[in-house]
Amino acid sequence: MRGVARLARLALSDDEVERYGTQLEALLQHVEDLKQLDTADIAATAQVIELRNVARADVVTPCLTRDAVMAGAPQPQNGFFRVPKIIAEVG
């Protein structure tokens, strides 16, 4: 468990190593148990719950004009939005 924690860059206490080690061991045992199941007659599937589209239909509706949008902008500049710089230099 310490090796797994080291690979994941996790600092675990001795209690956590024991607790998570026990949980990981149980999980791996469950995977081994699943490997023993006969799945020959079961069709492969990527989704076990039927999916359905719940989004509304696309409908063309009138939209705001460029002038109306720019009228609501806090600092319009030459037909564009002026926004503060958000990218910081790293180095």
N, C-alpha and C. Protein backbone atom coordinates (compact mmCIF):
# COMPACT_ATOMS: atom_id res chain seq x y z
N MET A 1 0.83 -1.19 0.00
CA MET A 1 0.00 0.00 0.00
C MET A 1 0.88 1.26 0.00
N ARG A 2 1.99 1.20 0.67
CA ARG A 2 2.89 2.37 0.70
C ARG A 2 3.40 2.70 -0.71
N GLY A 3 3.66 1.64 -1.51
CA GLY A 3 4.11 1.86 -2.88
C GLY A 3 3.05 2.55 -3.73
N VAL A 4 1.80 2.13 -3.57
CA VAL A 4 0.70 2.76 -4.29
C VAL A 4 0.56 4.21 -3.84
N ALA A 5 0.63 4.45 -2.54
CA ALA A 5 0.53 5.80 -2.01
C ALA A 5 1.66 6.68 -2.54
N ARG A 6 2.85 6.11 -2.63
CA ARG A 6 4.00 6.87 -3.13
C ARG A 6 3.79 7.24 -4.60
N LEU A 7 3.31 6.29 -5.40
CA LEU A 7 3.04 6.56 -6.81
C LEU A 7 1.97 7.64 -6.98
N ALA A 8 0.99 7.65 -6.08
CA ALA A 8 -0.08 8.65 -6.15
C ALA A 8 0.30 9.93 -5.42
N ARG A 9 1.50 9.95 -4.88
CA ARG A 9 2.01 11.10 -4.12
C ARG A 9 1.08 11.47 -2.96
N LEU A 10 0.70 10.43 -2.21
CA LEU A 10 -0.14 10.61 -1.03
C LEU A 10 0.68 10.37 0.22
N ALA A 11 0.55 11.27 1.16
CA ALA A 11 1.21 11.08 2.46
C ALA A 11 0.18 10.47 3.39
N LEU A 12 0.35 9.19 3.70
CA LEU A 12 -0.62 8.48 4.54
C LEU A 12 -0.01 8.11 5.87
N SER A 13 -0.86 8.21 6.90
CA SER A 13 -0.43 7.77 8.22
C SER A 13 -0.45 6.24 8.26
N ASP A 14 0.12 5.66 9.31
CA ASP A 14 0.12 4.20 9.44
C ASP A 14 -1.31 3.66 9.49
N ASP A 15 -2.20 4.37 10.20
CA ASP A 15 -3.61 3.95 10.28
C ASP A 15 -4.27 3.97 8.91
N GLU A 16 -3.98 5.01 8.13
CA GLU A 16 -4.56 5.12 6.79
C GLU A 16 -4.03 4.04 5.87
N VAL A 17 -2.75 3.73 5.97
CA VAL A 17 -2.16 2.67 5.16
C VAL A 17 -2.87 1.35 5.44
N GLU A 18 -3.11 1.05 6.71
CA GLU A 18 -3.78 -0.20 7.05
C GLU A 18 -5.23 -0.20 6.58
N ARG A 19 -5.95 0.90 6.83
CA ARG A 19 -7.37 0.98 6.46
C ARG A 19 -7.53 0.91 4.93
N TYR A 20 -6.77 1.73 4.20
CA TYR A 20 -6.89 1.75 2.75
C TYR A 20 -6.35 0.46 2.13
N GLY A 21 -5.33 -0.11 2.74
CA GLY A 21 -4.80 -1.38 2.26
C GLY A 21 -5.85 -2.47 2.34
N THR A 22 -6.58 -2.52 3.45
CA THR A 22 -7.65 -3.50 3.63
C THR A 22 -8.75 -3.27 2.59
N GLN A 23 -9.11 -2.00 2.37
CA GLN A 23 -10.15 -1.68 1.39
C GLN A 23 -9.70 -2.04 -0.03
N LEU A 24 -8.45 -1.75 -0.36
CA LEU A 24 -7.92 -2.07 -1.69
C LEU A 24 -7.88 -3.58 -1.89
N GLU A 25 -7.48 -4.30 -0.87
CA GLU A 25 -7.43 -5.77 -0.96
C GLU A 25 -8.83 -6.33 -1.21
N ALA A 26 -9.85 -5.80 -0.51
CA ALA A 26 -11.23 -6.26 -0.70
C ALA A 26 -11.71 -5.94 -2.12
N LEU A 27 -11.36 -4.77 -2.62
CA LEU A 27 -11.75 -4.39 -3.97
C LEU A 27 -11.12 -5.31 -5.01
N LEU A 28 -9.83 -5.58 -4.86
CA LEU A 28 -9.15 -6.46 -5.80
C LEU A 28 -9.70 -7.89 -5.73
N GLN A 29 -10.09 -8.33 -4.55
CA GLN A 29 -10.69 -9.65 -4.41
C GLN A 29 -12.04 -9.69 -5.12
N HIS A 30 -12.80 -8.60 -5.03
CA HIS A 30 -14.09 -8.53 -5.72
C HIS A 30 -13.89 -8.60 -7.24
N VAL A 31 -12.87 -7.93 -7.75
CA VAL A 31 -12.56 -7.99 -9.19
C VAL A 31 -12.21 -9.42 -9.58
N GLU A 32 -11.43 -10.10 -8.77
CA GLU A 32 -11.10 -11.51 -9.05
C GLU A 32 -12.35 -12.37 -9.06
N ASP A 33 -13.28 -12.11 -8.12
CA ASP A 33 -14.53 -12.86 -8.09
C ASP A 33 -15.34 -12.62 -9.37
N LEU A 34 -15.35 -11.39 -9.86
CA LEU A 34 -16.08 -11.06 -11.08
C LEU A 34 -15.47 -11.77 -12.29
N LYS A 35 -14.17 -11.96 -12.29
CA LYS A 35 -13.51 -12.64 -13.40
C LYS A 35 -13.96 -14.09 -13.53
N GLN A 36 -14.46 -14.68 -12.45
CA GLN A 36 -14.89 -16.07 -12.45
C GLN A 36 -16.28 -16.25 -13.04
N LEU A 37 -17.03 -15.17 -13.25
CA LEU A 37 -18.38 -15.27 -13.78
C LEU A 37 -18.36 -15.65 -15.25
N ASP A 38 -19.34 -16.50 -15.65
CA ASP A 38 -19.47 -16.90 -17.05
C ASP A 38 -20.29 -15.83 -17.76
N THR A 39 -19.66 -15.08 -18.63
CA THR A 39 -20.33 -14.01 -19.36
C THR A 39 -20.45 -14.32 -20.84
N ALA A 40 -20.29 -15.57 -21.23
CA ALA A 40 -20.30 -15.97 -22.64
C ALA A 40 -21.63 -15.63 -23.30
N ASP A 41 -22.74 -15.76 -22.59
CA ASP A 41 -24.06 -15.53 -23.18
C ASP A 41 -24.57 -14.10 -22.98
N ILE A 42 -23.72 -13.22 -22.49
CA ILE A 42 -24.13 -11.84 -22.24
C ILE A 42 -23.53 -10.94 -23.31
N ALA A 43 -24.40 -10.20 -23.97
CA ALA A 43 -23.95 -9.31 -25.05
C ALA A 43 -23.14 -8.16 -24.46
N ALA A 44 -22.11 -7.78 -25.19
CA ALA A 44 -21.28 -6.65 -24.76
C ALA A 44 -22.11 -5.37 -24.83
N THR A 45 -21.89 -4.51 -23.87
CA THR A 45 -22.62 -3.24 -23.85
C THR A 45 -21.75 -2.17 -23.23
N ALA A 46 -21.92 -0.95 -23.69
CA ALA A 46 -21.18 0.17 -23.11
C ALA A 46 -22.06 0.96 -22.16
N GLN A 47 -23.38 0.79 -22.27
CA GLN A 47 -24.31 1.55 -21.44
C GLN A 47 -25.41 0.61 -20.99
N VAL A 48 -25.59 0.45 -19.68
CA VAL A 48 -26.59 -0.49 -19.18
C VAL A 48 -27.93 0.17 -18.93
N ILE A 49 -27.96 1.49 -18.89
CA ILE A 49 -29.20 2.23 -18.70
C ILE A 49 -29.53 2.92 -20.01
N GLU A 50 -30.76 2.74 -20.48
CA GLU A 50 -31.15 3.35 -21.75
C GLU A 50 -31.02 4.86 -21.69
N LEU A 51 -30.41 5.43 -22.71
CA LEU A 51 -30.24 6.88 -22.77
C LEU A 51 -31.33 7.49 -23.62
N ARG A 52 -31.76 8.67 -23.24
CA ARG A 52 -32.70 9.40 -24.07
C ARG A 52 -32.36 10.88 -23.98
N ASN A 53 -32.59 11.58 -25.05
CA ASN A 53 -32.27 12.99 -25.12
C ASN A 53 -33.36 13.78 -24.39
N VAL A 54 -32.98 14.54 -23.39
CA VAL A 54 -33.95 15.33 -22.65
C VAL A 54 -33.82 16.82 -22.97
N ALA A 55 -32.98 17.15 -23.94
CA ALA A 55 -32.81 18.55 -24.33
C ALA A 55 -33.97 18.98 -25.21
N ARG A 56 -34.27 20.25 -25.16
CA ARG A 56 -35.36 20.78 -25.98
C ARG A 56 -34.91 20.82 -27.44
N ALA A 57 -35.85 20.91 -28.32
CA ALA A 57 -35.55 21.01 -29.74
C ALA A 57 -34.95 22.38 -30.04
N ASP A 58 -34.06 22.42 -31.02
CA ASP A 58 -33.48 23.70 -31.44
C ASP A 58 -34.53 24.48 -32.22
N VAL A 59 -34.78 25.71 -31.79
CA VAL A 59 -35.74 26.56 -32.46
C VAL A 59 -35.06 27.91 -32.68
N VAL A 60 -35.12 28.40 -33.91
CA VAL A 60 -34.53 29.70 -34.21
C VAL A 60 -35.44 30.78 -33.64
N THR A 61 -34.88 31.66 -32.84
CA THR A 61 -35.63 32.76 -32.25
C THR A 61 -34.87 34.06 -32.49
N PRO A 62 -35.56 35.17 -32.41
CA PRO A 62 -34.87 36.45 -32.61
C PRO A 62 -33.82 36.65 -31.52
N CYS A 63 -32.73 37.30 -31.88
CA CYS A 63 -31.69 37.56 -30.89
C CYS A 63 -31.40 39.05 -30.84
N LEU A 64 -30.58 39.44 -29.89
CA LEU A 64 -30.23 40.85 -29.75
C LEU A 64 -29.36 41.31 -30.90
N THR A 65 -29.49 42.58 -31.22
CA THR A 65 -28.61 43.15 -32.24
C THR A 65 -27.25 43.43 -31.60
N ARG A 66 -26.24 43.59 -32.44
CA ARG A 66 -24.90 43.90 -31.94
C ARG A 66 -24.92 45.20 -31.13
N ASP A 67 -25.66 46.20 -31.62
CA ASP A 67 -25.73 47.48 -30.90
C ASP A 67 -26.36 47.32 -29.52
N ALA A 68 -27.41 46.49 -29.42
CA ALA A 68 -28.06 46.28 -28.14
C ALA A 68 -27.12 45.58 -27.17
N VAL A 69 -26.37 44.61 -27.66
CA VAL A 69 -25.42 43.90 -26.80
C VAL A 69 -24.31 44.84 -26.33
N MET A 70 -23.76 45.60 -27.26
CA MET A 70 -22.66 46.51 -26.91
C MET A 70 -23.13 47.62 -25.97
N ALA A 71 -24.41 47.98 -26.04
CA ALA A 71 -24.94 49.01 -25.14
C ALA A 71 -24.92 48.53 -23.70
N GLY A 72 -24.98 47.22 -23.48
CA GLY A 72 -24.95 46.68 -22.12
C GLY A 72 -23.57 46.31 -21.63
N ALA A 73 -22.57 46.45 -22.49
CA ALA A 73 -21.20 46.09 -22.11
C ALA A 73 -20.61 47.16 -21.21
N PRO A 74 -19.85 46.77 -20.17
CA PRO A 74 -19.29 47.77 -19.25
C PRO A 74 -18.23 48.66 -19.89
N GLN A 75 -17.41 48.12 -20.80
CA GLN A 75 -16.35 48.92 -21.45
C GLN A 75 -16.24 48.54 -22.93
N PRO A 76 -17.25 48.90 -23.76
CA PRO A 76 -17.14 48.56 -25.17
C PRO A 76 -16.00 49.34 -25.83
N GLN A 77 -15.33 48.68 -26.78
CA GLN A 77 -14.20 49.34 -27.45
C GLN A 77 -14.17 48.88 -28.91
N ASN A 78 -14.49 49.77 -29.82
CA ASN A 78 -14.47 49.48 -31.26
C ASN A 78 -15.29 48.25 -31.63
N GLY A 79 -16.45 48.09 -31.02
CA GLY A 79 -17.32 46.96 -31.33
C GLY A 79 -16.97 45.66 -30.65
N PHE A 80 -16.03 45.70 -29.71
CA PHE A 80 -15.62 44.50 -28.98
C PHE A 80 -15.78 44.73 -27.48
N PHE A 81 -15.79 43.65 -26.71
CA PHE A 81 -15.80 43.75 -25.26
C PHE A 81 -14.38 43.95 -24.77
N ARG A 82 -14.17 44.89 -23.90
CA ARG A 82 -12.86 45.07 -23.28
C ARG A 82 -12.91 44.33 -21.94
N VAL A 83 -11.98 43.40 -21.75
CA VAL A 83 -11.95 42.60 -20.53
C VAL A 83 -10.57 42.70 -19.90
N PRO A 84 -10.47 42.50 -18.58
CA PRO A 84 -9.16 42.56 -17.95
C PRO A 84 -8.30 41.36 -18.34
N LYS A 85 -7.00 41.55 -18.33
CA LYS A 85 -6.05 40.48 -18.62
C LYS A 85 -6.14 39.46 -17.48
N ILE A 86 -6.27 38.20 -17.84
CA ILE A 86 -6.39 37.17 -16.80
C ILE A 86 -5.27 36.15 -16.85
N ILE A 87 -4.39 36.23 -17.81
CA ILE A 87 -3.29 35.28 -17.93
C ILE A 87 -2.07 35.87 -17.24
N ALA A 88 -1.58 35.18 -16.25
CA ALA A 88 -0.40 35.63 -15.51
C ALA A 88 0.83 34.91 -16.05
N GLU A 89 1.93 35.60 -16.07
CA GLU A 89 3.18 34.97 -16.50
C GLU A 89 3.70 34.06 -15.41
N VAL A 90 4.19 32.91 -15.80
CA VAL A 90 4.74 31.94 -14.88
C VAL A 90 6.24 31.90 -15.12
N GLY A 91 6.96 31.95 -14.04
CA GLY A 91 8.38 31.85 -14.32
C GLY A 91 9.18 32.30 -13.20
